[in-house]
């Protein structure tokens, strides 16, 4: 009977230690947000402590591998979007040019809408393509994805960040805690076997 009680206690204690260790380890990824001094040591959460390194590393990864300037440009200005932009631009130009021409002048010009439409249909694509080429040259040069991402991470509130991560990965983090529980229980069994038979 004593043997069963000792085995049960060692399993329970080992499981609890494994579970609480993993739970604390997960918390220490985010907390404390600001450095805390205990005796001669300073403690800070892994993520808050490495905030600057994380910002630079993530910004580089996103810019180089996920959202390069070319990827963004090609995604925004794919064939379908280009046709929609062209159509909207043509309609806007027709409307604005017609509004700019004084009504007295329009009387002598005949069907202004038709003239404007004819001009845009004839030369609009060429003008539009030139605008797109210019935008690609100047816009891509000025677009700094790395800096945008870095600024967003620098501004990040780690308490909110923690809530987001726990919200997205609650099952996975619980799984880690349960693994700690089972590993701790297994260690408890091994300790019992060592103490009892060796």
C-alpha atoms as a PDB file:
ATOM      1  CA  UNK A   1       0.000   0.000   0.000  1.00  0.00           C
ATOM      2  CA  UNK A   2       2.823   2.385   0.913  1.00  0.00           C
ATOM      3  CA  UNK A   3       4.412   1.648  -2.447  1.00  0.00           C
ATOM      4  CA  UNK A   4       1.222   2.601  -4.327  1.00  0.00           C
ATOM      5  CA  UNK A   5       0.899   5.831  -2.318  1.00  0.00           C
ATOM      6  CA  UNK A   6       4.547   6.741  -2.942  1.00  0.00           C
ATOM      7  CA  UNK A   7       4.185   6.008  -6.661  1.00  0.00           C
ATOM      8  CA  UNK A   8       0.980   8.067  -6.875  1.00  0.00           C
ATOM      9  CA  UNK A   9       2.559  10.987  -5.017  1.00  0.00           C
ATOM     10  CA  UNK A  10       5.652  10.994  -7.225  1.00  0.00           C
ATOM     11  CA  UNK A  11       3.493  10.878 -10.373  1.00  0.00           C
ATOM     12  CA  UNK A  12       1.257  13.727  -9.129  1.00  0.00           C
ATOM     13  CA  UNK A  13       4.174  15.871  -7.923  1.00  0.00           C
ATOM     14  CA  UNK A  14       6.202  15.212 -11.089  1.00  0.00           C
ATOM     15  CA  UNK A  15       3.208  15.978 -13.315  1.00  0.00           C
ATOM     16  CA  UNK A  16       2.454  19.180 -11.408  1.00  0.00           C
ATOM     17  CA  UNK A  17       6.075  20.351 -11.610  1.00  0.00           C
ATOM     18  CA  UNK A  18       6.176  19.615 -15.370  1.00  0.00           C
ATOM     19  CA  UNK A  19       2.877  21.429 -15.962  1.00  0.00           C
ATOM     20  CA  UNK A  20       3.724  24.498 -13.860  1.00  0.00           C
ATOM     21  CA  UNK A  21       7.225  24.717 -15.375  1.00  0.00           C
ATOM     22  CA  UNK A  22       5.860  24.896 -18.926  1.00  0.00           C
ATOM     23  CA  UNK A  23       3.106  27.312 -17.884  1.00  0.00           C
ATOM     24  CA  UNK A  24       5.650  29.657 -16.284  1.00  0.00           C
ATOM     25  CA  UNK A  25       7.998  29.290 -19.285  1.00  0.00           C
ATOM     26  CA  UNK A  26       5.203  30.383 -21.650  1.00  0.00           C
ATOM     27  CA  UNK A  27       4.404  33.379 -19.434  1.00  0.00           C
ATOM     28  CA  UNK A  28       8.075  34.353 -19.304  1.00  0.00           C
ATOM     29  CA  UNK A  29       8.058  34.767 -23.074  1.00  0.00           C
ATOM     30  CA  UNK A  30       5.939  37.904 -22.543  1.00  0.00           C
ATOM     31  CA  UNK A  31       6.394  38.939 -18.904  1.00  0.00           C
ATOM     32  CA  UNK A  32       7.652  41.015 -17.299  1.00  0.00           C
ATOM     33  CA  UNK A  33       7.328  43.626 -20.036  1.00  0.00           C
ATOM     34  CA  UNK A  34       9.756  45.979 -18.281  1.00  0.00           C
ATOM     35  CA  UNK A  35      12.994  44.812 -16.604  1.00  0.00           C
ATOM     36  CA  UNK A  36      12.566  43.735 -12.976  1.00  0.00           C
ATOM     37  CA  UNK A  37      15.541  43.511 -10.619  1.00  0.00           C
ATOM     38  CA  UNK A  38      15.602  40.612  -8.150  1.00  0.00           C
ATOM     39  CA  UNK A  39      18.728  40.600  -5.967  1.00  0.00           C
ATOM     40  CA  UNK A  40      21.625  40.818  -8.435  1.00  0.00           C
ATOM     41  CA  UNK A  41      19.651  39.706 -11.490  1.00  0.00           C
ATOM     42  CA  UNK A  42      17.475  41.588 -13.967  1.00  0.00           C
ATOM     43  CA  UNK A  43      14.524  39.740 -15.488  1.00  0.00           C
ATOM     44  CA  UNK A  44      12.498  40.644 -18.556  1.00  0.00           C
ATOM     45  CA  UNK A  45      10.234  38.700 -20.912  1.00  0.00           C
ATOM     46  CA  UNK A  46      11.988  37.160 -23.916  1.00  0.00           C
ATOM     47  CA  UNK A  47       9.861  38.996 -26.502  1.00  0.00           C
ATOM     48  CA  UNK A  48       9.961  42.450 -24.846  1.00  0.00           C
ATOM     49  CA  UNK A  49      13.719  42.108 -24.259  1.00  0.00           C
ATOM     50  CA  UNK A  50      14.388  41.232 -27.898  1.00  0.00           C
ATOM     51  CA  UNK A  51      11.876  43.698 -29.309  1.00  0.00           C
ATOM     52  CA  UNK A  52      14.407  45.600 -31.440  1.00  0.00           C
ATOM     53  CA  UNK A  53      16.002  42.426 -32.816  1.00  0.00           C
ATOM     54  CA  UNK A  54      12.563  40.963 -33.536  1.00  0.00           C
ATOM     55  CA  UNK A  55      11.492  44.134 -35.324  1.00  0.00           C
ATOM     56  CA  UNK A  56      14.560  44.149 -37.587  1.00  0.00           C
ATOM     57  CA  UNK A  57      14.444  40.401 -38.252  1.00  0.00           C
ATOM     58  CA  UNK A  58      10.712  40.335 -39.022  1.00  0.00           C
ATOM     59  CA  UNK A  59      10.936  43.465 -41.167  1.00  0.00           C
ATOM     60  CA  UNK A  60      13.767  41.947 -43.225  1.00  0.00           C
ATOM     61  CA  UNK A  61      11.914  38.638 -43.628  1.00  0.00           C
ATOM     62  CA  UNK A  62       8.659  40.291 -44.678  1.00  0.00           C
ATOM     63  CA  UNK A  63      10.350  42.629 -47.152  1.00  0.00           C
ATOM     64  CA  UNK A  64      12.670  40.032 -48.695  1.00  0.00           C
ATOM     65  CA  UNK A  65      10.501  36.915 -48.681  1.00  0.00           C
ATOM     66  CA  UNK A  66       6.820  37.796 -48.242  1.00  0.00           C
ATOM     67  CA  UNK A  67       5.992  41.323 -49.393  1.00  0.00           C
ATOM     68  CA  UNK A  68       8.686  42.650 -51.683  1.00  0.00           C
ATOM     69  CA  UNK A  69       7.967  45.889 -53.547  1.00  0.00           C
ATOM     70  CA  UNK A  70       7.563  43.972 -56.789  1.00  0.00           C
ATOM     71  CA  UNK A  71       5.069  41.528 -55.244  1.00  0.00           C
ATOM     72  CA  UNK A  72       2.925  44.379 -53.909  1.00  0.00           C
ATOM     73  CA  UNK A  73       3.094  46.285 -57.187  1.00  0.00           C
ATOM     74  CA  UNK A  74       2.199  43.236 -59.292  1.00  0.00           C
ATOM     75  CA  UNK A  75      -0.613  42.259 -56.913  1.00  0.00           C
ATOM     76  CA  UNK A  76      -2.163  45.732 -56.925  1.00  0.00           C
ATOM     77  CA  UNK A  77      -1.711  46.276 -60.643  1.00  0.00           C
ATOM     78  CA  UNK A  78      -2.705  42.889 -61.984  1.00  0.00           C
ATOM     79  CA  UNK A  79      -4.553  42.766 -65.300  1.00  0.00           C
ATOM     80  CA  UNK A  80      -8.051  42.846 -63.791  1.00  0.00           C
ATOM     81  CA  UNK A  81      -7.273  45.766 -61.491  1.00  0.00           C
ATOM     82  CA  UNK A  82      -5.565  47.667 -64.300  1.00  0.00           C
ATOM     83  CA  UNK A  83      -8.655  47.410 -66.497  1.00  0.00           C
ATOM     84  CA  UNK A  84     -10.876  48.660 -63.652  1.00  0.00           C
ATOM     85  CA  UNK A  85      -8.507  51.545 -62.913  1.00  0.00           C
ATOM     86  CA  UNK A  86      -8.353  52.451 -66.616  1.00  0.00           C
ATOM     87  CA  UNK A  87     -12.151  52.423 -66.922  1.00  0.00           C
ATOM     88  CA  UNK A  88     -12.609  54.582 -63.806  1.00  0.00           C
ATOM     89  CA  UNK A  89      -9.878  56.972 -64.916  1.00  0.00           C
ATOM     90  CA  UNK A  90     -11.438  57.373 -68.350  1.00  0.00           C
ATOM     91  CA  UNK A  91     -14.858  58.145 -66.879  1.00  0.00           C
ATOM     92  CA  UNK A  92     -13.382  60.647 -64.427  1.00  0.00           C
ATOM     93  CA  UNK A  93     -11.374  62.384 -67.161  1.00  0.00           C
ATOM     94  CA  UNK A  94     -14.392  62.604 -69.445  1.00  0.00           C
ATOM     95  CA  UNK A  95     -16.436  64.174 -66.676  1.00  0.00           C
ATOM     96  CA  UNK A  96     -13.744  66.621 -65.540  1.00  0.00           C
ATOM     97  CA  UNK A  97     -12.687  67.733 -69.024  1.00  0.00           C
ATOM     98  CA  UNK A  98     -16.325  68.303 -69.978  1.00  0.00           C
ATOM     99  CA  UNK A  99     -16.842  70.362 -66.799  1.00  0.00           C
ATOM    100  CA  UNK A 100     -13.716  72.460 -67.434  1.00  0.00           C
ATOM    101  CA  UNK A 101     -14.769  73.518 -70.947  1.00  0.00           C
ATOM    102  CA  UNK A 102     -17.013  76.598 -70.645  1.00  0.00           C
ATOM    103  CA  UNK A 103     -20.606  76.132 -71.803  1.00  0.00           C
ATOM    104  CA  UNK A 104     -20.220  78.886 -74.454  1.00  0.00           C
ATOM    105  CA  UNK A 105     -17.284  77.045 -75.991  1.00  0.00           C
ATOM    106  CA  UNK A 106     -19.146  73.753 -75.886  1.00  0.00           C
ATOM    107  CA  UNK A 107     -21.893  75.267 -78.050  1.00  0.00           C
ATOM    108  CA  UNK A 108     -19.404  75.703 -80.908  1.00  0.00           C
ATOM    109  CA  UNK A 109     -17.565  72.427 -80.368  1.00  0.00           C
ATOM    110  CA  UNK A 110     -20.546  70.161 -80.927  1.00  0.00           C
ATOM    111  CA  UNK A 111     -20.732  66.874 -79.023  1.00  0.00           C
ATOM    112  CA  UNK A 112     -17.995  67.449 -76.410  1.00  0.00           C
ATOM    113  CA  UNK A 113     -18.604  64.124 -74.665  1.00  0.00           C
ATOM    114  CA  UNK A 114     -18.057  62.276 -77.910  1.00  0.00           C
ATOM    115  CA  UNK A 115     -14.877  64.228 -78.696  1.00  0.00           C
ATOM    116  CA  UNK A 116     -13.422  63.644 -75.241  1.00  0.00           C
ATOM    117  CA  UNK A 117     -14.371  59.949 -75.344  1.00  0.00           C
ATOM    118  CA  UNK A 118     -12.765  59.587 -78.753  1.00  0.00           C
ATOM    119  CA  UNK A 119      -9.526  61.217 -77.556  1.00  0.00           C
ATOM    120  CA  UNK A 120      -9.333  59.102 -74.396  1.00  0.00           C
ATOM    121  CA  UNK A 121     -10.168  55.886 -76.239  1.00  0.00           C
ATOM    122  CA  UNK A 122      -7.442  56.670 -78.756  1.00  0.00           C
ATOM    123  CA  UNK A 123      -4.632  57.898 -76.488  1.00  0.00           C
ATOM    124  CA  UNK A 124      -5.854  56.972 -72.999  1.00  0.00           C
ATOM    125  CA  UNK A 125      -4.117  53.591 -72.827  1.00  0.00           C
ATOM    126  CA  UNK A 126      -0.800  55.113 -73.843  1.00  0.00           C
ATOM    127  CA  UNK A 127      -1.083  57.875 -71.236  1.00  0.00           C
ATOM    128  CA  UNK A 128      -2.168  55.387 -68.606  1.00  0.00           C
ATOM    129  CA  UNK A 129       0.731  53.026 -69.343  1.00  0.00           C
ATOM    130  CA  UNK A 130       3.171  55.938 -69.076  1.00  0.00           C
ATOM    131  CA  UNK A 131       1.665  56.882 -65.716  1.00  0.00           C
ATOM    132  CA  UNK A 132       1.996  53.283 -64.481  1.00  0.00           C
ATOM    133  CA  UNK A 133       5.634  53.096 -65.610  1.00  0.00           C
ATOM    134  CA  UNK A 134       6.403  56.356 -63.832  1.00  0.00           C
ATOM    135  CA  UNK A 135       4.625  55.192 -60.689  1.00  0.00           C
ATOM    136  CA  UNK A 136       6.568  51.931 -60.766  1.00  0.00           C
ATOM    137  CA  UNK A 137       9.871  53.815 -60.929  1.00  0.00           C
ATOM    138  CA  UNK A 138       9.199  56.514 -58.346  1.00  0.00           C
ATOM    139  CA  UNK A 139       6.643  54.714 -56.162  1.00  0.00           C
ATOM    140  CA  UNK A 140       8.712  51.585 -55.656  1.00  0.00           C
ATOM    141  CA  UNK A 141      11.798  53.628 -54.827  1.00  0.00           C
ATOM    142  CA  UNK A 142       9.970  55.537 -52.099  1.00  0.00           C
ATOM    143  CA  UNK A 143       8.128  52.515 -50.694  1.00  0.00           C
ATOM    144  CA  UNK A 144      10.055  51.257 -47.645  1.00  0.00           C
ATOM    145  CA  UNK A 145       8.307  48.098 -46.448  1.00  0.00           C
ATOM    146  CA  UNK A 146      11.083  47.261 -43.989  1.00  0.00           C
ATOM    147  CA  UNK A 147      10.742  50.609 -42.230  1.00  0.00           C
ATOM    148  CA  UNK A 148       6.932  50.385 -42.120  1.00  0.00           C
ATOM    149  CA  UNK A 149       7.002  46.911 -40.540  1.00  0.00           C
ATOM    150  CA  UNK A 150       9.739  47.911 -38.080  1.00  0.00           C
ATOM    151  CA  UNK A 151       7.786  50.994 -36.977  1.00  0.00           C
ATOM    152  CA  UNK A 152       4.628  48.941 -36.439  1.00  0.00           C
ATOM    153  CA  UNK A 153       6.473  46.394 -34.292  1.00  0.00           C
ATOM    154  CA  UNK A 154       8.254  49.166 -32.348  1.00  0.00           C
ATOM    155  CA  UNK A 155       4.857  50.687 -31.544  1.00  0.00           C
ATOM    156  CA  UNK A 156       3.472  47.314 -30.462  1.00  0.00           C
ATOM    157  CA  UNK A 157       1.883  47.068 -27.013  1.00  0.00           C
ATOM    158  CA  UNK A 158       3.193  43.750 -25.703  1.00  0.00           C
ATOM    159  CA  UNK A 159       0.230  43.237 -23.386  1.00  0.00           C
ATOM    160  CA  UNK A 160      -2.070  43.400 -26.408  1.00  0.00           C
ATOM    161  CA  UNK A 161       0.411  41.282 -28.357  1.00  0.00           C
ATOM    162  CA  UNK A 162       0.264  38.657 -25.609  1.00  0.00           C
ATOM    163  CA  UNK A 163      -3.548  38.600 -25.773  1.00  0.00           C
ATOM    164  CA  UNK A 164      -3.437  38.188 -29.555  1.00  0.00           C
ATOM    165  CA  UNK A 165      -0.927  35.318 -29.379  1.00  0.00           C
ATOM    166  CA  UNK A 166      -2.855  33.529 -26.626  1.00  0.00           C
ATOM    167  CA  UNK A 167      -6.068  34.042 -28.580  1.00  0.00           C
ATOM    168  CA  UNK A 168      -4.598  32.600 -31.781  1.00  0.00           C
ATOM    169  CA  UNK A 169      -2.585  29.792 -30.189  1.00  0.00           C
ATOM    170  CA  UNK A 170      -4.571  28.897 -27.078  1.00  0.00           C
ATOM    171  CA  UNK A 171      -4.897  25.222 -28.119  1.00  0.00           C
ATOM    172  CA  UNK A 172      -1.213  24.897 -28.995  1.00  0.00           C
ATOM    173  CA  UNK A 173      -0.094  26.545 -25.748  1.00  0.00           C
ATOM    174  CA  UNK A 174      -2.429  24.309 -23.724  1.00  0.00           C
ATOM    175  CA  UNK A 175      -0.930  21.355 -25.577  1.00  0.00           C
ATOM    176  CA  UNK A 176       2.552  22.443 -24.425  1.00  0.00           C
ATOM    177  CA  UNK A 177       1.314  22.603 -20.823  1.00  0.00           C
ATOM    178  CA  UNK A 178      -0.188  19.095 -21.102  1.00  0.00           C
ATOM    179  CA  UNK A 179       3.073  17.761 -22.559  1.00  0.00           C
ATOM    180  CA  UNK A 180       4.824  19.187 -19.490  1.00  0.00           C
ATOM    181  CA  UNK A 181       2.285  17.411 -17.282  1.00  0.00           C
ATOM    182  CA  UNK A 182       2.885  14.017 -18.924  1.00  0.00           C
ATOM    183  CA  UNK A 183       6.668  14.423 -19.029  1.00  0.00           C
ATOM    184  CA  UNK A 184       6.668  15.382 -15.357  1.00  0.00           C
ATOM    185  CA  UNK A 185       4.530  12.347 -14.519  1.00  0.00           C
ATOM    186  CA  UNK A 186       6.886  10.112 -16.523  1.00  0.00           C
ATOM    187  CA  UNK A 187       9.883  11.518 -14.639  1.00  0.00           C
ATOM    188  CA  UNK A 188       8.012  10.819 -11.391  1.00  0.00           C
ATOM    189  CA  UNK A 189       7.604   7.163 -12.423  1.00  0.00           C
ATOM    190  CA  UNK A 190      11.287   6.901 -13.365  1.00  0.00           C
ATOM    191  CA  UNK A 191      12.313   8.421 -10.028  1.00  0.00           C
ATOM    192  CA  UNK A 192      10.115   5.920  -8.210  1.00  0.00           C
ATOM    193  CA  UNK A 193      11.691   3.012 -10.112  1.00  0.00           C
ATOM    194  CA  UNK A 194      15.214   4.296  -9.409  1.00  0.00           C
ATOM    195  CA  UNK A 195      14.539   4.841  -5.696  1.00  0.00           C
ATOM    196  CA  UNK A 196      12.737   1.512  -5.303  1.00  0.00           C
ATOM    197  CA  UNK A 197      14.891  -0.878  -7.315  1.00  0.00           C
ATOM    198  CA  UNK A 198      18.367   0.665  -7.376  1.00  0.00           C
END
